[in-house]
N, C-alpha and C. Protein backbone atom coordinates (compact mmCIF):
# COMPACT_ATOMS: atom_id res chain seq x y z
N UNK A 1 78.81 92.96 -2.09
CA UNK A 1 79.74 93.80 -2.83
C UNK A 1 79.07 95.13 -3.18
N UNK A 2 79.78 96.24 -2.97
CA UNK A 2 79.23 97.55 -3.22
C UNK A 2 78.98 97.76 -4.71
N UNK A 3 77.95 98.54 -4.99
CA UNK A 3 77.61 98.85 -6.37
C UNK A 3 78.63 99.83 -6.96
N UNK A 4 78.98 99.63 -8.22
CA UNK A 4 79.89 100.53 -8.90
C UNK A 4 79.11 101.75 -9.40
N UNK A 5 79.62 102.93 -9.07
CA UNK A 5 79.01 104.18 -9.48
C UNK A 5 79.78 104.75 -10.67
N UNK A 6 79.07 105.32 -11.62
CA UNK A 6 79.70 105.96 -12.77
C UNK A 6 79.44 107.46 -12.69
N UNK A 7 80.51 108.24 -12.73
CA UNK A 7 80.36 109.69 -12.68
C UNK A 7 81.18 110.32 -13.80
N UNK A 8 80.78 111.51 -14.19
CA UNK A 8 81.50 112.29 -15.19
C UNK A 8 82.22 113.43 -14.48
N UNK A 9 83.52 113.57 -14.75
CA UNK A 9 84.22 114.60 -14.01
C UNK A 9 85.62 114.88 -14.52
N UNK A 10 86.35 115.65 -13.70
CA UNK A 10 87.72 116.02 -13.99
C UNK A 10 88.54 115.91 -12.71
N UNK A 11 89.79 115.48 -12.85
CA UNK A 11 90.68 115.37 -11.71
C UNK A 11 91.20 116.76 -11.35
N UNK A 12 90.92 117.20 -10.13
CA UNK A 12 91.40 118.49 -9.65
C UNK A 12 92.81 118.41 -9.08
N UNK A 13 93.08 117.32 -8.40
CA UNK A 13 94.41 117.15 -7.81
C UNK A 13 94.66 115.68 -7.53
N UNK A 14 95.92 115.33 -7.37
CA UNK A 14 96.30 113.95 -7.06
C UNK A 14 97.55 113.98 -6.20
N UNK A 15 97.61 113.11 -5.22
CA UNK A 15 98.79 113.04 -4.37
C UNK A 15 99.11 111.59 -4.06
N UNK A 16 100.41 111.28 -3.92
CA UNK A 16 100.79 109.89 -3.64
C UNK A 16 100.41 109.47 -2.22
N UNK A 17 100.02 108.23 -2.10
CA UNK A 17 99.71 107.62 -0.80
C UNK A 17 100.47 106.31 -0.73
N UNK A 18 101.34 106.17 0.25
CA UNK A 18 102.12 104.95 0.37
C UNK A 18 103.04 104.76 -0.83
N UNK A 19 103.32 103.51 -1.15
CA UNK A 19 104.26 103.22 -2.23
C UNK A 19 103.61 103.18 -3.60
N UNK A 20 102.33 102.78 -3.67
CA UNK A 20 101.73 102.53 -4.98
C UNK A 20 100.42 103.26 -5.24
N UNK A 21 99.83 103.84 -4.20
CA UNK A 21 98.48 104.38 -4.33
C UNK A 21 98.50 105.90 -4.56
N UNK A 22 97.33 106.41 -4.90
CA UNK A 22 97.12 107.84 -5.02
C UNK A 22 95.78 108.21 -4.41
N UNK A 23 95.70 109.42 -3.95
CA UNK A 23 94.42 110.00 -3.54
C UNK A 23 94.11 111.10 -4.55
N UNK A 24 92.96 111.00 -5.19
CA UNK A 24 92.57 112.00 -6.18
C UNK A 24 91.34 112.76 -5.70
N UNK A 25 91.27 114.01 -6.10
CA UNK A 25 90.08 114.82 -5.85
C UNK A 25 89.43 115.07 -7.21
N UNK A 26 88.16 114.73 -7.31
CA UNK A 26 87.41 114.85 -8.55
C UNK A 26 86.30 115.87 -8.40
N UNK A 27 86.09 116.65 -9.45
CA UNK A 27 84.87 117.45 -9.54
C UNK A 27 83.95 116.72 -10.49
N UNK A 28 82.79 116.32 -10.00
CA UNK A 28 81.87 115.51 -10.80
C UNK A 28 80.52 116.18 -10.95
N UNK A 29 79.86 115.90 -12.05
CA UNK A 29 78.52 116.43 -12.27
C UNK A 29 77.55 115.88 -11.23
N UNK A 30 77.67 114.59 -10.98
CA UNK A 30 76.65 113.90 -10.19
C UNK A 30 76.82 114.05 -8.68
N UNK A 31 78.06 114.06 -8.19
CA UNK A 31 78.32 114.01 -6.76
C UNK A 31 79.05 115.24 -6.23
N UNK A 32 79.30 116.22 -7.10
CA UNK A 32 80.08 117.37 -6.65
C UNK A 32 81.56 117.02 -6.51
N UNK A 33 82.22 117.64 -5.54
CA UNK A 33 83.64 117.36 -5.31
C UNK A 33 83.78 116.18 -4.36
N UNK A 34 84.55 115.19 -4.78
CA UNK A 34 84.74 114.00 -3.96
C UNK A 34 86.22 113.60 -3.98
N UNK A 35 86.60 112.85 -2.96
CA UNK A 35 87.94 112.26 -2.91
C UNK A 35 87.81 110.76 -3.15
N UNK A 36 88.84 110.20 -3.77
CA UNK A 36 88.82 108.76 -4.04
C UNK A 36 90.24 108.23 -3.99
N UNK A 37 90.38 107.00 -3.53
CA UNK A 37 91.67 106.33 -3.53
C UNK A 37 91.81 105.52 -4.82
N UNK A 38 92.95 105.70 -5.45
CA UNK A 38 93.26 104.93 -6.66
C UNK A 38 94.36 103.95 -6.30
N UNK A 39 93.98 102.75 -6.00
CA UNK A 39 94.94 101.74 -5.53
C UNK A 39 95.82 101.24 -6.66
N UNK A 40 97.10 101.19 -6.37
CA UNK A 40 98.14 100.73 -7.32
C UNK A 40 98.24 101.65 -8.55
N UNK A 41 97.76 102.91 -8.42
CA UNK A 41 97.78 103.83 -9.57
C UNK A 41 99.20 104.25 -9.95
N UNK A 42 100.15 104.09 -9.03
CA UNK A 42 101.53 104.49 -9.32
C UNK A 42 102.37 103.31 -9.80
N UNK A 43 101.76 102.16 -9.88
CA UNK A 43 102.47 100.97 -10.32
C UNK A 43 102.49 100.94 -11.85
N UNK A 44 103.65 100.73 -12.47
CA UNK A 44 103.73 100.68 -13.94
C UNK A 44 102.73 99.68 -14.51
N UNK A 45 102.03 100.12 -15.53
CA UNK A 45 101.05 99.25 -16.17
C UNK A 45 99.66 99.34 -15.58
N UNK A 46 99.50 100.11 -14.51
CA UNK A 46 98.19 100.23 -13.89
C UNK A 46 97.23 100.96 -14.83
N UNK A 47 95.99 100.48 -14.90
CA UNK A 47 94.99 101.13 -15.74
C UNK A 47 94.59 102.49 -15.16
N UNK A 48 94.94 102.73 -13.90
CA UNK A 48 94.56 103.99 -13.26
C UNK A 48 95.67 105.04 -13.30
N UNK A 49 96.84 104.67 -13.80
CA UNK A 49 97.97 105.60 -13.78
C UNK A 49 97.63 106.88 -14.55
N UNK A 50 97.16 106.76 -15.77
CA UNK A 50 96.88 107.93 -16.60
C UNK A 50 95.60 108.64 -16.19
N UNK A 51 94.73 107.94 -15.47
CA UNK A 51 93.45 108.52 -15.08
C UNK A 51 93.53 109.29 -13.77
N UNK A 52 94.65 109.20 -13.08
CA UNK A 52 94.77 109.82 -11.76
C UNK A 52 95.78 110.96 -11.79
N UNK A 53 95.65 111.82 -12.81
CA UNK A 53 96.51 113.00 -12.94
C UNK A 53 95.62 114.22 -13.13
N UNK A 54 96.06 115.40 -12.68
CA UNK A 54 95.25 116.61 -12.86
C UNK A 54 94.88 116.84 -14.32
N UNK A 55 93.69 117.36 -14.52
CA UNK A 55 93.10 117.69 -15.82
C UNK A 55 92.46 116.50 -16.53
N UNK A 56 92.75 115.27 -16.12
CA UNK A 56 92.13 114.12 -16.78
C UNK A 56 90.61 114.23 -16.68
N UNK A 57 89.93 114.13 -17.81
CA UNK A 57 88.48 114.33 -17.86
C UNK A 57 87.81 113.16 -18.55
N UNK A 58 86.68 112.74 -18.00
CA UNK A 58 85.95 111.64 -18.61
C UNK A 58 85.03 110.98 -17.62
N UNK A 59 84.87 109.67 -17.77
CA UNK A 59 84.01 108.89 -16.88
C UNK A 59 84.87 108.13 -15.87
N UNK A 60 84.44 108.18 -14.64
CA UNK A 60 85.16 107.52 -13.55
C UNK A 60 84.22 106.52 -12.88
N UNK A 61 84.76 105.35 -12.58
CA UNK A 61 83.97 104.29 -11.97
C UNK A 61 84.45 104.10 -10.54
N UNK A 62 83.51 104.25 -9.61
CA UNK A 62 83.84 104.29 -8.19
C UNK A 62 83.05 103.26 -7.40
N UNK A 63 83.64 102.87 -6.29
CA UNK A 63 82.94 102.07 -5.29
C UNK A 63 82.99 102.85 -3.99
N UNK A 64 81.86 102.98 -3.34
CA UNK A 64 81.80 103.73 -2.09
C UNK A 64 82.36 102.88 -0.95
N UNK A 65 83.39 103.40 -0.28
CA UNK A 65 83.95 102.74 0.89
C UNK A 65 83.37 103.33 2.16
N UNK A 66 83.93 102.93 3.29
CA UNK A 66 83.41 103.40 4.57
C UNK A 66 83.65 104.90 4.74
N UNK A 67 84.84 105.36 4.40
CA UNK A 67 85.19 106.77 4.61
C UNK A 67 85.48 107.52 3.32
N UNK A 68 85.60 106.83 2.22
CA UNK A 68 85.95 107.48 0.97
C UNK A 68 85.55 106.58 -0.19
N UNK A 69 85.59 107.15 -1.38
CA UNK A 69 85.36 106.36 -2.57
C UNK A 69 86.66 105.69 -3.00
N UNK A 70 86.51 104.61 -3.76
CA UNK A 70 87.66 103.92 -4.36
C UNK A 70 87.48 103.98 -5.86
N UNK A 71 88.49 104.48 -6.55
CA UNK A 71 88.47 104.55 -8.00
C UNK A 71 88.90 103.20 -8.56
N UNK A 72 88.02 102.56 -9.32
CA UNK A 72 88.33 101.22 -9.81
C UNK A 72 88.59 101.18 -11.31
N UNK A 73 88.11 102.19 -12.03
CA UNK A 73 88.36 102.22 -13.48
C UNK A 73 88.01 103.61 -13.99
N UNK A 74 88.39 103.88 -15.22
CA UNK A 74 88.08 105.18 -15.81
C UNK A 74 88.15 105.09 -17.32
N UNK A 75 87.39 105.95 -17.96
CA UNK A 75 87.44 106.09 -19.41
C UNK A 75 87.69 107.57 -19.69
N UNK A 76 88.93 107.93 -19.96
CA UNK A 76 89.32 109.33 -20.08
C UNK A 76 89.17 109.79 -21.53
N UNK A 77 88.46 110.89 -21.70
CA UNK A 77 88.24 111.44 -23.03
C UNK A 77 89.20 112.57 -23.37
N UNK A 78 89.77 113.22 -22.35
CA UNK A 78 90.68 114.34 -22.60
C UNK A 78 91.67 114.44 -21.43
N UNK A 79 92.96 114.56 -21.78
CA UNK A 79 94.00 114.70 -20.76
C UNK A 79 94.57 116.12 -20.67
N UNK A 80 94.40 116.90 -21.72
CA UNK A 80 94.94 118.26 -21.79
C UNK A 80 96.46 118.27 -21.63
N UNK A 81 97.12 117.28 -22.19
CA UNK A 81 98.58 117.21 -22.09
C UNK A 81 99.25 118.37 -22.83
N UNK A 82 98.54 119.00 -23.76
CA UNK A 82 99.12 120.12 -24.50
C UNK A 82 99.48 121.27 -23.58
N UNK A 83 98.80 121.38 -22.46
CA UNK A 83 99.08 122.48 -21.52
C UNK A 83 100.51 122.41 -21.00
N UNK A 84 101.04 121.21 -20.87
CA UNK A 84 102.38 121.05 -20.32
C UNK A 84 103.44 121.70 -21.21
N UNK A 85 103.10 121.96 -22.47
CA UNK A 85 104.05 122.57 -23.40
C UNK A 85 104.11 124.09 -23.23
N UNK A 86 103.22 124.64 -22.45
CA UNK A 86 103.17 126.08 -22.21
C UNK A 86 103.50 126.35 -20.75
N UNK A 87 104.71 126.84 -20.43
CA UNK A 87 105.12 127.00 -19.04
C UNK A 87 104.28 128.00 -18.25
N UNK A 88 103.59 128.91 -18.93
CA UNK A 88 102.69 129.85 -18.25
C UNK A 88 101.26 129.32 -18.28
N UNK A 89 100.84 128.81 -19.44
CA UNK A 89 99.48 128.30 -19.57
C UNK A 89 99.16 127.20 -18.57
N UNK A 90 100.13 126.38 -18.26
CA UNK A 90 99.90 125.29 -17.30
C UNK A 90 99.53 125.83 -15.93
N UNK A 91 100.11 127.00 -15.58
CA UNK A 91 99.79 127.57 -14.27
C UNK A 91 98.42 128.21 -14.25
N UNK A 92 97.98 128.73 -15.38
CA UNK A 92 96.58 129.15 -15.46
C UNK A 92 95.68 127.94 -15.20
N UNK A 93 96.01 126.83 -15.82
CA UNK A 93 95.21 125.63 -15.63
C UNK A 93 95.18 125.16 -14.19
N UNK A 94 96.33 125.14 -13.53
CA UNK A 94 96.37 124.72 -12.13
C UNK A 94 95.55 125.67 -11.24
N UNK A 95 95.60 126.95 -11.58
CA UNK A 95 94.81 127.92 -10.82
C UNK A 95 93.32 127.65 -11.00
N UNK A 96 92.90 127.33 -12.22
CA UNK A 96 91.50 127.01 -12.45
C UNK A 96 91.08 125.79 -11.62
N UNK A 97 91.92 124.77 -11.60
CA UNK A 97 91.61 123.58 -10.80
C UNK A 97 91.50 123.94 -9.32
N UNK A 98 92.42 124.77 -8.85
CA UNK A 98 92.45 125.15 -7.44
C UNK A 98 91.21 125.96 -7.07
N UNK A 99 90.82 126.88 -7.94
CA UNK A 99 89.65 127.71 -7.66
C UNK A 99 88.38 126.85 -7.66
N UNK A 100 88.29 125.90 -8.59
CA UNK A 100 87.15 124.99 -8.61
C UNK A 100 87.13 124.12 -7.35
N UNK A 101 88.30 123.70 -6.90
CA UNK A 101 88.40 122.93 -5.66
C UNK A 101 87.88 123.74 -4.48
N UNK A 102 88.19 125.04 -4.47
CA UNK A 102 87.75 125.91 -3.39
C UNK A 102 86.23 125.92 -3.26
N UNK A 103 85.54 125.97 -4.39
CA UNK A 103 84.08 126.06 -4.37
C UNK A 103 83.38 124.71 -4.38
N UNK A 104 84.07 123.66 -4.76
CA UNK A 104 83.41 122.36 -4.85
C UNK A 104 82.94 121.85 -3.50
N UNK A 105 81.80 121.20 -3.49
CA UNK A 105 81.23 120.61 -2.26
C UNK A 105 80.68 119.23 -2.58
N UNK A 106 80.93 118.29 -1.69
CA UNK A 106 80.40 116.95 -1.90
C UNK A 106 78.89 116.93 -1.73
N UNK A 107 78.23 116.17 -2.58
CA UNK A 107 76.79 116.01 -2.49
C UNK A 107 76.00 117.08 -3.21
N UNK A 108 76.69 118.07 -3.80
CA UNK A 108 76.01 119.13 -4.54
C UNK A 108 76.40 118.99 -6.01
N UNK A 109 75.43 118.71 -6.85
CA UNK A 109 75.71 118.53 -8.27
C UNK A 109 76.47 119.73 -8.83
N UNK A 110 77.44 119.44 -9.68
CA UNK A 110 78.33 120.50 -10.16
C UNK A 110 78.37 120.54 -11.69
N UNK A 111 77.21 120.38 -12.32
CA UNK A 111 77.17 120.33 -13.78
C UNK A 111 77.72 121.61 -14.40
N UNK A 112 77.20 122.76 -13.98
CA UNK A 112 77.64 124.02 -14.56
C UNK A 112 79.11 124.30 -14.24
N UNK A 113 79.51 124.02 -13.02
CA UNK A 113 80.89 124.30 -12.63
C UNK A 113 81.86 123.41 -13.40
N UNK A 114 81.51 122.15 -13.58
CA UNK A 114 82.37 121.25 -14.33
C UNK A 114 82.45 121.66 -15.79
N UNK A 115 81.31 122.00 -16.38
CA UNK A 115 81.33 122.44 -17.78
C UNK A 115 82.15 123.71 -17.95
N UNK A 116 82.02 124.63 -17.00
CA UNK A 116 82.82 125.86 -17.06
C UNK A 116 84.30 125.54 -16.96
N UNK A 117 84.66 124.68 -16.04
CA UNK A 117 86.07 124.32 -15.86
C UNK A 117 86.62 123.70 -17.13
N UNK A 118 85.88 122.78 -17.71
CA UNK A 118 86.34 122.10 -18.93
C UNK A 118 86.53 123.10 -20.07
N UNK A 119 85.55 123.98 -20.27
CA UNK A 119 85.63 124.95 -21.36
C UNK A 119 86.75 125.96 -21.13
N UNK A 120 87.00 126.31 -19.87
CA UNK A 120 88.04 127.28 -19.55
C UNK A 120 89.43 126.70 -19.78
N UNK A 121 89.64 125.46 -19.37
CA UNK A 121 90.92 124.81 -19.62
C UNK A 121 91.13 124.64 -21.12
N UNK A 122 90.07 124.26 -21.82
CA UNK A 122 90.15 124.12 -23.28
C UNK A 122 90.50 125.45 -23.94
N UNK A 123 89.96 126.54 -23.42
CA UNK A 123 90.21 127.87 -23.99
C UNK A 123 91.67 128.27 -23.87
N UNK A 124 92.37 127.74 -22.86
CA UNK A 124 93.79 128.05 -22.70
C UNK A 124 94.61 127.53 -23.87
N UNK A 125 94.08 126.59 -24.63
CA UNK A 125 94.81 126.01 -25.75
C UNK A 125 94.62 126.79 -27.04
N UNK A 126 93.70 127.77 -27.03
CA UNK A 126 93.43 128.57 -28.22
C UNK A 126 94.43 129.72 -28.28
N UNK A 127 95.29 129.70 -29.27
CA UNK A 127 96.35 130.71 -29.36
C UNK A 127 95.79 132.09 -29.67
N UNK A 128 94.58 132.19 -30.17
CA UNK A 128 94.02 133.50 -30.47
C UNK A 128 93.40 134.17 -29.26
N UNK A 129 93.28 133.45 -28.15
CA UNK A 129 92.71 134.00 -26.93
C UNK A 129 93.79 134.39 -25.94
N UNK A 130 93.59 135.50 -25.27
CA UNK A 130 94.51 135.96 -24.23
C UNK A 130 94.21 135.18 -22.95
N UNK A 131 95.20 134.47 -22.44
CA UNK A 131 94.97 133.68 -21.24
C UNK A 131 94.54 134.53 -20.06
N UNK A 132 95.01 135.78 -20.01
CA UNK A 132 94.59 136.66 -18.92
C UNK A 132 93.09 136.94 -18.98
N UNK A 133 92.55 137.08 -20.20
CA UNK A 133 91.11 137.27 -20.34
C UNK A 133 90.36 135.99 -20.01
N UNK A 134 90.88 134.86 -20.46
CA UNK A 134 90.26 133.57 -20.11
C UNK A 134 90.16 133.43 -18.60
N UNK A 135 91.21 133.81 -17.91
CA UNK A 135 91.20 133.74 -16.44
C UNK A 135 90.08 134.58 -15.85
N UNK A 136 89.93 135.82 -16.31
CA UNK A 136 88.92 136.70 -15.74
C UNK A 136 87.51 136.22 -16.05
N UNK A 137 87.31 135.70 -17.24
CA UNK A 137 86.01 135.13 -17.58
C UNK A 137 85.69 133.96 -16.65
N UNK A 138 86.68 133.08 -16.46
CA UNK A 138 86.49 131.93 -15.58
C UNK A 138 86.14 132.37 -14.16
N UNK A 139 86.89 133.33 -13.63
CA UNK A 139 86.66 133.79 -12.25
C UNK A 139 85.26 134.37 -12.09
N UNK A 140 84.88 135.24 -13.01
CA UNK A 140 83.56 135.86 -12.90
C UNK A 140 82.46 134.80 -12.92
N UNK A 141 82.51 133.93 -13.92
CA UNK A 141 81.40 132.97 -14.07
C UNK A 141 81.40 131.95 -12.94
N UNK A 142 82.57 131.55 -12.44
CA UNK A 142 82.61 130.62 -11.32
C UNK A 142 81.97 131.22 -10.09
N UNK A 143 82.25 132.50 -9.84
CA UNK A 143 81.64 133.15 -8.68
C UNK A 143 80.14 133.36 -8.89
N UNK A 144 79.72 133.62 -10.11
CA UNK A 144 78.29 133.73 -10.41
C UNK A 144 77.59 132.40 -10.10
N UNK A 145 78.16 131.30 -10.58
CA UNK A 145 77.58 129.98 -10.35
C UNK A 145 77.41 129.71 -8.86
N UNK A 146 78.36 130.19 -8.07
CA UNK A 146 78.34 129.93 -6.63
C UNK A 146 77.73 131.07 -5.82
N UNK A 147 77.09 132.02 -6.51
CA UNK A 147 76.35 133.08 -5.84
C UNK A 147 77.21 134.07 -5.09
N UNK A 148 78.44 134.28 -5.53
CA UNK A 148 79.34 135.18 -4.80
C UNK A 148 79.92 136.28 -5.69
N UNK A 149 79.23 136.63 -6.76
CA UNK A 149 79.77 137.71 -7.57
C UNK A 149 78.88 138.93 -7.46
N UNK A 150 79.26 139.86 -6.59
CA UNK A 150 78.52 141.12 -6.42
C UNK A 150 79.52 142.22 -6.10
N UNK A 151 80.46 142.49 -7.00
CA UNK A 151 81.50 143.48 -6.73
C UNK A 151 81.00 144.90 -6.91
N UNK A 152 81.74 145.85 -6.40
CA UNK A 152 81.47 147.25 -6.65
C UNK A 152 82.01 147.59 -8.04
N UNK A 153 81.15 148.01 -8.94
CA UNK A 153 81.57 148.31 -10.31
C UNK A 153 81.46 149.80 -10.62
N UNK A 154 81.41 150.60 -9.56
CA UNK A 154 81.33 152.05 -9.75
C UNK A 154 82.58 152.56 -10.45
N UNK A 155 82.37 153.42 -11.44
CA UNK A 155 83.49 154.02 -12.14
C UNK A 155 84.00 153.24 -13.33
N UNK A 156 83.44 152.06 -13.58
CA UNK A 156 83.88 151.28 -14.74
C UNK A 156 83.38 151.90 -16.03
N UNK A 157 84.13 151.73 -17.08
CA UNK A 157 83.71 152.21 -18.39
C UNK A 157 82.52 151.40 -18.88
N UNK A 158 81.82 151.96 -19.86
CA UNK A 158 80.67 151.26 -20.43
C UNK A 158 81.08 149.92 -21.02
N UNK A 159 82.25 149.87 -21.65
CA UNK A 159 82.71 148.62 -22.27
C UNK A 159 83.00 147.56 -21.22
N UNK A 160 83.61 147.96 -20.10
CA UNK A 160 83.91 147.00 -19.04
C UNK A 160 82.63 146.49 -18.39
N UNK A 161 81.68 147.38 -18.16
CA UNK A 161 80.40 146.98 -17.58
C UNK A 161 79.68 145.99 -18.48
N UNK A 162 79.65 146.28 -19.78
CA UNK A 162 78.98 145.40 -20.72
C UNK A 162 79.65 144.03 -20.74
N UNK A 163 80.99 144.02 -20.72
CA UNK A 163 81.72 142.75 -20.76
C UNK A 163 81.39 141.89 -19.55
N UNK A 164 81.40 142.50 -18.37
CA UNK A 164 81.10 141.76 -17.15
C UNK A 164 79.67 141.23 -17.17
N UNK A 165 78.73 142.06 -17.57
CA UNK A 165 77.34 141.63 -17.62
C UNK A 165 77.14 140.48 -18.62
N UNK A 166 77.86 140.56 -19.74
CA UNK A 166 77.78 139.49 -20.73
C UNK A 166 78.31 138.18 -20.16
N UNK A 167 79.46 138.23 -19.50
CA UNK A 167 80.06 137.02 -18.93
C UNK A 167 79.14 136.42 -17.86
N UNK A 168 78.46 137.27 -17.12
CA UNK A 168 77.57 136.78 -16.06
C UNK A 168 76.35 136.04 -16.58
N UNK A 169 75.91 136.38 -17.78
CA UNK A 169 74.61 135.89 -18.23
C UNK A 169 74.60 135.05 -19.50
N UNK A 170 75.66 135.10 -20.30
CA UNK A 170 75.61 134.41 -21.60
C UNK A 170 75.69 132.89 -21.41
N UNK A 171 75.26 132.11 -22.40
CA UNK A 171 75.42 130.65 -22.33
C UNK A 171 76.90 130.29 -22.20
N UNK A 172 77.18 129.21 -21.50
CA UNK A 172 78.57 128.82 -21.27
C UNK A 172 79.35 128.68 -22.56
N UNK A 173 78.71 128.14 -23.59
CA UNK A 173 79.43 127.89 -24.85
C UNK A 173 79.78 129.18 -25.59
N UNK A 174 79.25 130.32 -25.13
CA UNK A 174 79.55 131.61 -25.76
C UNK A 174 80.58 132.42 -24.99
N UNK A 175 81.08 131.88 -23.90
CA UNK A 175 81.97 132.65 -23.03
C UNK A 175 83.27 133.08 -23.70
N UNK A 176 83.85 132.20 -24.46
CA UNK A 176 85.19 132.47 -24.98
C UNK A 176 85.15 132.76 -26.48
N UNK A 177 84.29 133.72 -26.83
CA UNK A 177 84.10 134.03 -28.24
C UNK A 177 84.37 135.50 -28.54
N UNK A 178 85.08 136.20 -27.65
CA UNK A 178 85.31 137.63 -27.85
C UNK A 178 86.66 138.03 -27.27
N UNK A 179 87.08 139.20 -27.63
CA UNK A 179 88.28 139.80 -27.05
C UNK A 179 87.94 141.21 -26.57
N UNK A 180 88.80 141.78 -25.76
CA UNK A 180 88.62 143.15 -25.28
C UNK A 180 89.95 143.89 -25.39
N UNK A 181 89.89 145.18 -25.26
CA UNK A 181 91.12 145.98 -25.29
C UNK A 181 91.91 145.79 -24.00
N UNK A 182 93.17 146.17 -24.03
CA UNK A 182 94.01 146.07 -22.83
C UNK A 182 93.45 146.93 -21.71
N UNK A 183 92.91 148.09 -22.03
CA UNK A 183 92.35 148.97 -20.99
C UNK A 183 91.15 148.34 -20.32
N UNK A 184 90.26 147.73 -21.12
CA UNK A 184 89.08 147.08 -20.54
C UNK A 184 89.49 145.88 -19.69
N UNK A 185 90.44 145.09 -20.17
CA UNK A 185 90.91 143.95 -19.40
C UNK A 185 91.52 144.41 -18.08
N UNK A 186 92.25 145.51 -18.12
CA UNK A 186 92.85 146.03 -16.89
C UNK A 186 91.76 146.45 -15.89
N UNK A 187 90.72 147.11 -16.37
CA UNK A 187 89.62 147.51 -15.50
C UNK A 187 88.97 146.29 -14.84
N UNK A 188 88.65 145.32 -15.67
CA UNK A 188 87.98 144.11 -15.17
C UNK A 188 88.88 143.40 -14.16
N UNK A 189 90.15 143.30 -14.46
CA UNK A 189 91.08 142.60 -13.57
C UNK A 189 91.16 143.27 -12.21
N UNK A 190 91.19 144.58 -12.19
CA UNK A 190 91.26 145.29 -10.91
C UNK A 190 90.02 145.06 -10.07
N UNK A 191 88.86 145.06 -10.71
CA UNK A 191 87.60 144.81 -10.00
C UNK A 191 87.58 143.40 -9.42
N UNK A 192 87.95 142.41 -10.22
CA UNK A 192 87.91 141.02 -9.77
C UNK A 192 88.92 140.77 -8.66
N UNK A 193 90.12 141.33 -8.78
CA UNK A 193 91.13 141.13 -7.74
C UNK A 193 90.65 141.69 -6.40
N UNK A 194 90.06 142.88 -6.42
CA UNK A 194 89.55 143.46 -5.17
C UNK A 194 88.44 142.59 -4.58
N UNK A 195 87.58 142.08 -5.46
CA UNK A 195 86.45 141.28 -5.00
C UNK A 195 86.92 139.94 -4.42
N UNK A 196 87.82 139.26 -5.12
CA UNK A 196 88.29 137.96 -4.61
C UNK A 196 89.09 138.13 -3.32
N UNK A 197 89.86 139.21 -3.22
CA UNK A 197 90.59 139.45 -1.98
C UNK A 197 89.64 139.63 -0.80
N UNK A 198 88.46 140.14 -1.08
CA UNK A 198 87.48 140.39 -0.02
C UNK A 198 86.70 139.15 0.36
N UNK A 199 86.34 138.31 -0.60
CA UNK A 199 85.42 137.22 -0.29
C UNK A 199 86.09 135.89 0.03
N UNK A 200 87.30 135.66 -0.47
CA UNK A 200 87.94 134.36 -0.21
C UNK A 200 88.46 134.32 1.21
N UNK A 201 88.18 133.22 1.90
CA UNK A 201 88.60 133.12 3.30
C UNK A 201 90.00 132.53 3.47
N UNK A 202 90.64 132.23 2.38
CA UNK A 202 92.03 131.77 2.42
C UNK A 202 92.68 132.07 1.08
N UNK A 203 93.98 132.36 1.08
CA UNK A 203 94.65 132.62 -0.19
C UNK A 203 94.82 131.33 -0.99
N UNK A 204 94.81 131.45 -2.30
CA UNK A 204 95.06 130.31 -3.16
C UNK A 204 96.51 130.36 -3.59
N UNK A 205 97.27 129.37 -3.17
CA UNK A 205 98.69 129.34 -3.49
C UNK A 205 98.93 129.39 -5.00
N UNK A 206 98.06 128.74 -5.74
CA UNK A 206 98.21 128.69 -7.19
C UNK A 206 98.06 130.07 -7.82
N UNK A 207 97.28 130.93 -7.19
CA UNK A 207 97.11 132.29 -7.72
C UNK A 207 98.42 133.06 -7.61
N UNK A 208 99.07 132.96 -6.47
CA UNK A 208 100.35 133.64 -6.29
C UNK A 208 101.39 133.13 -7.29
N UNK A 209 101.45 131.82 -7.45
CA UNK A 209 102.42 131.24 -8.40
C UNK A 209 102.10 131.66 -9.83
N UNK A 210 100.81 131.68 -10.17
CA UNK A 210 100.44 132.11 -11.52
C UNK A 210 100.86 133.55 -11.76
N UNK A 211 100.61 134.42 -10.82
CA UNK A 211 100.94 135.82 -11.02
C UNK A 211 102.44 136.06 -11.07
N UNK A 212 103.20 135.22 -10.38
CA UNK A 212 104.66 135.31 -10.49
C UNK A 212 105.12 134.87 -11.87
N UNK A 213 104.51 133.82 -12.38
CA UNK A 213 104.89 133.30 -13.69
C UNK A 213 104.43 134.22 -14.83
N UNK A 214 103.21 134.76 -14.68
CA UNK A 214 102.63 135.57 -15.75
C UNK A 214 102.99 137.04 -15.64
N UNK A 215 103.63 137.41 -14.56
CA UNK A 215 104.03 138.80 -14.39
C UNK A 215 102.93 139.71 -13.91
N UNK A 216 102.01 139.17 -13.09
CA UNK A 216 100.96 140.00 -12.53
C UNK A 216 99.58 139.50 -12.87
């Protein structure tokens, strides 16, 4: 019998398989991005039903199969169900999951990326924070973690330059502790959009949907 593995992570996506099963994609600290089958997760009363939905965060118990992992149990500490009450905020969250999925790789530990994702989704629930700023902070730091943030910042104001440099280097727990003016946010947004358009090798559908919902 295969050994049960315990990992800490968040569900990035889930899709139905057959009549009762699901296939989930997890971002985990220990194993990076992995796929797992959750058998009978769609059956009423299944212990895996609530654990196999996007944003579910906690400990996941897996068994390694021939071609994929099998999710056998979970202990979920946070579901982020509050996001569903915000018709725009939920799309920011889905975009964050999608962007993390883009960078996630199996076999590469994702401690910083997972912590960033968790803190960024949590920040969407803070009514005093501008979700548009949360998005830009998340994008910058995610690209920094993955070694792909080197945009042209010529012509930026001193405030915008300082903000970007702070986001690139500050401790993760300090990321969502400030606000900026609309002008500075606009500057930063334009720089990031140009940079992501240049480096991403495929469009993220969630980004288009988010911008339609949020108005740009």
